[in-house]
Amino acid sequence: MIIKTKILHDKEALGTYAADLFAELSENHIKKKGRFNVALSGGSTPKILYKKLVELYGDEIHWSYIDFFWSDERYVPFDHPDSNGGMAYTHLLAPLDIDKGQYFPAPTADDDPHRSAMQYEQTIRRYFNAPAHTPSFDLIFLGMGDDGHTASLFPGTKALRETRRLVAANWVDKPEAWRITFTYPLLNKAKQVIFLVSGSDKAAIVKDILHEGGRKYPAAFVNPQQGKLLWLLDAAAAQEL
């Protein structure tokens, strides 16, 4: 595994740099194998990334060869304001007129989050033609909360201990809600994982994870076994490094 860090001046610069990377990675994969798949994340920083992709690369990237998934989702409808999928649709997929067959949001219409997680895992396995083995996403974007969680792998939750399932339903005590999340087995098979982290409230945890091991934080356990790991930080998040 190769771990790198890159510090940008602010959140806008971080979004631009991430967009540039997305463009480079997508074109490389499309040239090599004809398609590119990416798992998106929620949060305010990815929203800036989506904006930059539309503004800078709307006519440059071969969007019809890219497929979109989500590394986690709140258990709300796709059109709900809190939906990660809905946010990406509003700020990225719709402006680019991405075909509906190219994006695969986590199902949240069922009243059973565990069944929904199983359905999403089956969708991923069918897409990759991987009925038994763990597939490798070309790129997974992740964020990190001020408690060190990533995707919807929160401190003290059951999904942290999952070793077999690719997708899990995870109950989060705060804010008392179900989430659908990729698990470590799936995250750690990715070819490239990029953390997008901004804000001074993350600085102490970033230092702990990158310089001191930080093994009490869920984000620290994202370690692609045969892939690359990049932490993109704005200056505020990196101020203690």
Protein backbone atom coordinates (compact mmCIF):
# COMPACT_ATOMS: atom_id res chain seq x y z
CA MET A 1 0.00 0.00 0.00
CA ILE A 2 1.21 3.49 -0.88
CA ILE A 3 0.12 6.32 1.45
CA LYS A 4 0.48 9.94 0.40
CA THR A 5 -0.72 13.28 1.75
CA LYS A 6 -1.33 16.54 -0.08
CA ILE A 7 -2.10 19.83 1.65
CA LEU A 8 -4.07 22.51 -0.19
CA HIS A 9 -4.63 26.12 0.83
CA ASP A 10 -8.37 25.90 1.41
CA LYS A 11 -11.48 23.87 0.65
CA GLU A 12 -11.86 25.37 -2.83
CA ALA A 13 -8.31 24.43 -3.77
CA LEU A 14 -8.87 20.97 -2.34
CA GLY A 15 -11.94 20.54 -4.53
CA THR A 16 -10.05 21.67 -7.63
CA TYR A 17 -7.14 19.32 -6.96
CA ALA A 18 -9.52 16.41 -6.38
CA ALA A 19 -11.30 17.20 -9.65
CA ASP A 20 -7.98 17.20 -11.50
CA LEU A 21 -7.16 13.81 -10.00
CA PHE A 22 -10.57 12.45 -10.91
CA ALA A 23 -10.07 13.53 -14.50
CA GLU A 24 -6.63 11.91 -14.69
CA LEU A 25 -7.67 8.64 -13.06
CA SER A 26 -10.88 8.30 -15.05
CA GLU A 27 -9.17 8.84 -18.40
CA ASN A 28 -6.39 6.39 -17.53
CA HIS A 29 -8.83 3.66 -16.56
CA ILE A 30 -11.10 4.28 -19.55
CA LYS A 31 -8.13 3.98 -21.91
CA LYS A 32 -6.99 0.76 -20.26
CA LYS A 33 -10.25 -1.11 -19.75
CA GLY A 34 -13.03 0.91 -21.32
CA ARG A 35 -14.82 2.01 -18.13
CA PHE A 36 -14.21 3.66 -14.78
CA ASN A 37 -16.10 3.10 -11.55
CA VAL A 38 -16.11 5.35 -8.51
CA ALA A 39 -17.78 5.36 -5.11
CA LEU A 40 -18.74 8.84 -3.92
CA SER A 41 -19.15 10.17 -0.39
CA GLY A 42 -21.35 12.73 1.30
CA GLY A 43 -20.51 15.99 3.04
CA SER A 44 -19.74 19.59 2.12
CA THR A 45 -16.27 18.99 0.67
CA PRO A 46 -17.48 16.52 -2.00
CA LYS A 47 -20.09 19.10 -2.99
CA ILE A 48 -17.23 21.42 -3.94
CA LEU A 49 -15.58 18.59 -5.86
CA TYR A 50 -18.80 18.04 -7.82
CA LYS A 51 -19.02 21.74 -8.60
CA LYS A 52 -15.44 21.78 -9.89
CA LEU A 53 -15.98 18.67 -12.01
CA VAL A 54 -18.97 20.29 -13.69
CA GLU A 55 -17.25 23.66 -14.15
CA LEU A 56 -13.81 22.45 -15.21
CA TYR A 57 -14.42 19.09 -16.82
CA GLY A 58 -18.04 19.02 -17.95
CA ASP A 59 -16.93 18.78 -21.59
CA GLU A 60 -13.53 17.16 -21.02
CA ILE A 61 -14.17 13.85 -19.28
CA HIS A 62 -15.75 10.88 -21.07
CA TRP A 63 -18.69 10.74 -18.66
CA SER A 64 -20.61 8.07 -20.58
CA TYR A 65 -17.94 5.53 -19.57
CA ILE A 66 -18.10 6.24 -15.82
CA ASP A 67 -20.30 4.43 -13.28
CA PHE A 68 -21.15 5.84 -9.84
CA PHE A 69 -21.80 4.19 -6.48
CA TRP A 70 -21.83 5.54 -2.90
CA SER A 71 -19.61 4.44 -0.03
CA ASP A 72 -22.40 5.19 2.45
CA GLU A 73 -25.91 6.54 2.63
CA ARG A 74 -28.30 7.89 5.21
CA TYR A 75 -31.48 5.83 5.44
CA VAL A 76 -33.65 8.44 3.75
CA PRO A 77 -35.25 8.66 0.28
CA PHE A 78 -33.04 9.61 -2.66
CA ASP A 79 -34.80 12.99 -2.98
CA HIS A 80 -34.42 13.81 0.74
CA PRO A 81 -32.17 16.82 1.55
CA ASP A 82 -29.93 14.58 3.70
CA SER A 83 -29.35 11.95 1.00
CA ASN A 84 -25.75 11.58 -0.17
CA GLY A 85 -27.02 10.19 -3.44
CA GLY A 86 -29.48 13.00 -3.88
CA MET A 87 -26.80 15.60 -3.21
CA ALA A 88 -24.54 14.09 -5.85
CA TYR A 89 -27.44 13.88 -8.28
CA THR A 90 -28.28 17.57 -7.80
CA HIS A 91 -24.72 18.89 -8.05
CA LEU A 92 -23.03 16.37 -10.38
CA LEU A 93 -25.14 13.79 -12.14
CA ALA A 94 -28.03 15.98 -13.25
CA PRO A 95 -25.88 18.91 -14.49
CA LEU A 96 -23.84 16.43 -16.53
CA ASP A 97 -26.94 14.59 -17.75
CA ILE A 98 -25.54 11.25 -16.57
CA ASP A 99 -27.65 8.34 -17.78
CA LYS A 100 -29.69 6.62 -15.07
CA GLY A 101 -28.05 3.32 -15.93
CA GLN A 102 -24.68 4.70 -14.83
CA TYR A 103 -25.42 5.38 -11.18
CA PHE A 104 -26.32 2.94 -8.44
CA PRO A 105 -27.59 4.56 -5.23
CA ALA A 106 -28.07 2.51 -2.10
CA PRO A 107 -31.69 1.34 -1.80
CA THR A 108 -33.45 3.05 1.09
CA ALA A 109 -37.14 2.57 0.29
CA ASP A 110 -37.40 -0.70 2.22
CA ASP A 111 -38.38 -0.65 5.88
CA ASP A 112 -35.57 -3.11 6.65
CA PRO A 113 -32.09 -1.53 6.46
CA HIS A 114 -30.38 -4.94 6.72
CA ARG A 115 -32.27 -6.16 3.67
CA SER A 116 -31.37 -2.93 1.85
CA ALA A 117 -27.69 -3.45 2.66
CA MET A 118 -27.87 -6.97 1.26
CA GLN A 119 -29.53 -5.65 -1.90
CA TYR A 120 -26.79 -3.07 -2.38
CA GLU A 121 -24.12 -5.70 -1.90
CA GLN A 122 -25.84 -7.86 -4.52
CA THR A 123 -25.94 -4.89 -6.90
CA ILE A 124 -22.20 -4.38 -6.47
CA ARG A 125 -21.44 -8.07 -6.92
CA ARG A 126 -23.52 -8.21 -10.12
CA TYR A 127 -21.84 -5.10 -11.50
CA PHE A 128 -18.37 -6.55 -10.94
CA ASN A 129 -19.41 -10.11 -11.77
CA ALA A 130 -18.02 -11.06 -8.36
CA PRO A 131 -20.40 -13.63 -6.79
CA ALA A 132 -17.83 -14.86 -4.28
CA HIS A 133 -14.71 -12.67 -4.19
CA THR A 134 -14.38 -9.05 -3.06
CA PRO A 135 -14.32 -6.64 -6.03
CA SER A 136 -11.98 -3.67 -6.43
CA PHE A 137 -13.37 -0.22 -7.10
CA ASP A 138 -11.17 1.94 -9.30
CA LEU A 139 -11.66 4.89 -6.93
CA ILE A 140 -13.38 5.46 -3.61
CA PHE A 141 -13.77 8.94 -2.16
CA LEU A 142 -14.11 9.17 1.62
CA GLY A 143 -14.52 11.94 4.15
CA MET A 144 -13.82 11.98 7.87
CA GLY A 145 -15.96 13.32 10.68
CA ASP A 146 -14.76 15.14 13.77
CA ASP A 147 -15.08 11.83 15.65
CA GLY A 148 -12.81 10.02 13.20
CA HIS A 149 -15.59 8.14 11.41
CA THR A 150 -15.46 7.49 7.70
CA ALA A 151 -18.21 6.32 5.35
CA SER A 152 -20.75 5.36 8.03
CA LEU A 153 -18.22 3.45 10.10
CA PHE A 154 -18.67 5.28 13.40
CA PRO A 155 -16.73 4.67 16.62
CA GLY A 156 -18.22 1.85 18.67
CA THR A 157 -20.63 0.60 15.98
CA LYS A 158 -21.13 -3.01 14.89
CA ALA A 159 -20.10 -2.54 11.26
CA LEU A 160 -16.51 -1.89 12.38
CA ARG A 161 -16.22 -5.60 13.18
CA GLU A 162 -17.65 -6.86 9.89
CA THR A 163 -15.16 -9.07 8.07
CA ARG A 164 -17.35 -10.88 5.51
CA ARG A 165 -20.05 -8.57 4.21
CA LEU A 166 -19.23 -5.85 1.67
CA VAL A 167 -22.10 -3.58 2.71
CA ALA A 168 -23.71 -3.33 6.14
CA ALA A 169 -26.61 -1.61 7.83
CA ASN A 170 -25.15 0.30 10.76
CA TRP A 171 -27.09 1.84 13.63
CA VAL A 172 -25.54 5.12 14.80
CA ASP A 173 -26.54 6.26 18.30
CA LYS A 174 -25.90 9.87 17.41
CA PRO A 175 -28.04 10.96 15.55
CA GLU A 176 -30.06 7.78 16.29
CA ALA A 177 -30.37 6.64 12.72
CA TRP A 178 -29.61 3.76 10.38
CA ARG A 179 -26.92 4.11 7.76
CA ILE A 180 -25.89 1.92 4.84
CA THR A 181 -22.12 1.65 4.56
CA PHE A 182 -19.28 -0.04 2.73
CA THR A 183 -17.30 -2.19 5.15
CA TYR A 184 -13.53 -2.45 5.53
CA PRO A 185 -13.27 -5.57 3.31
CA LEU A 186 -14.68 -3.60 0.37
CA LEU A 187 -12.92 -0.31 1.13
CA ASN A 188 -9.57 -2.02 1.48
CA LYS A 189 -9.77 -3.74 -1.90
CA ALA A 190 -9.97 -0.45 -3.81
CA LYS A 191 -7.30 0.47 -6.32
CA GLN A 192 -7.32 4.07 -5.05
CA VAL A 193 -8.85 5.65 -1.96
CA ILE A 194 -8.87 9.43 -1.59
CA PHE A 195 -9.80 11.10 1.69
CA LEU A 196 -11.16 14.64 1.39
CA VAL A 197 -10.74 16.32 4.77
CA SER A 198 -11.23 20.00 5.60
CA GLY A 199 -11.66 22.07 8.74
CA SER A 200 -9.71 22.76 11.90
CA ASP A 201 -12.03 20.49 13.92
CA LYS A 202 -10.36 17.51 12.18
CA ALA A 203 -6.76 18.65 12.76
CA ALA A 204 -6.01 16.72 15.96
CA ILE A 205 -7.44 13.48 14.55
CA VAL A 206 -5.56 13.91 11.27
CA LYS A 207 -2.33 14.27 13.23
CA ASP A 208 -3.15 11.25 15.37
CA ILE A 209 -3.89 9.03 12.36
CA LEU A 210 -1.08 10.13 10.05
CA HIS A 211 1.71 10.67 12.58
CA GLU A 212 0.81 8.62 15.64
CA GLY A 213 -1.11 5.62 14.35
CA GLY A 214 -4.53 6.80 15.52
CA ARG A 215 -5.89 3.28 15.83
CA LYS A 216 -8.86 4.37 17.94
CA TYR A 217 -10.40 6.13 14.92
CA PRO A 218 -12.31 4.22 12.23
CA ALA A 219 -10.68 6.21 9.41
CA ALA A 220 -7.29 4.84 10.42
CA PHE A 221 -8.28 1.32 9.39
CA VAL A 222 -8.77 2.22 5.74
CA ASN A 223 -5.63 0.68 4.25
CA PRO A 224 -6.02 -0.60 0.69
CA GLN A 225 -4.03 -3.84 0.62
CA GLN A 226 -2.83 -3.52 -2.95
CA GLY A 227 -3.99 -0.01 -3.78
CA LYS A 228 -3.06 3.59 -3.12
CA LEU A 229 -4.21 5.83 -0.28
CA LEU A 230 -4.18 9.62 -0.55
CA TRP A 231 -5.20 12.08 2.14
CA LEU A 232 -6.15 15.45 0.62
CA LEU A 233 -6.23 18.08 3.37
CA ASP A 234 -6.91 21.77 3.47
CA ALA A 235 -4.56 23.92 5.55
CA ALA A 236 -6.94 24.00 8.50
CA ALA A 237 -7.19 20.21 8.73
CA ALA A 238 -3.41 19.90 8.37
CA GLN A 239 -2.43 22.60 10.85
CA GLU A 240 -1.12 20.16 13.47
CA LEU A 241 1.02 18.10 11.09
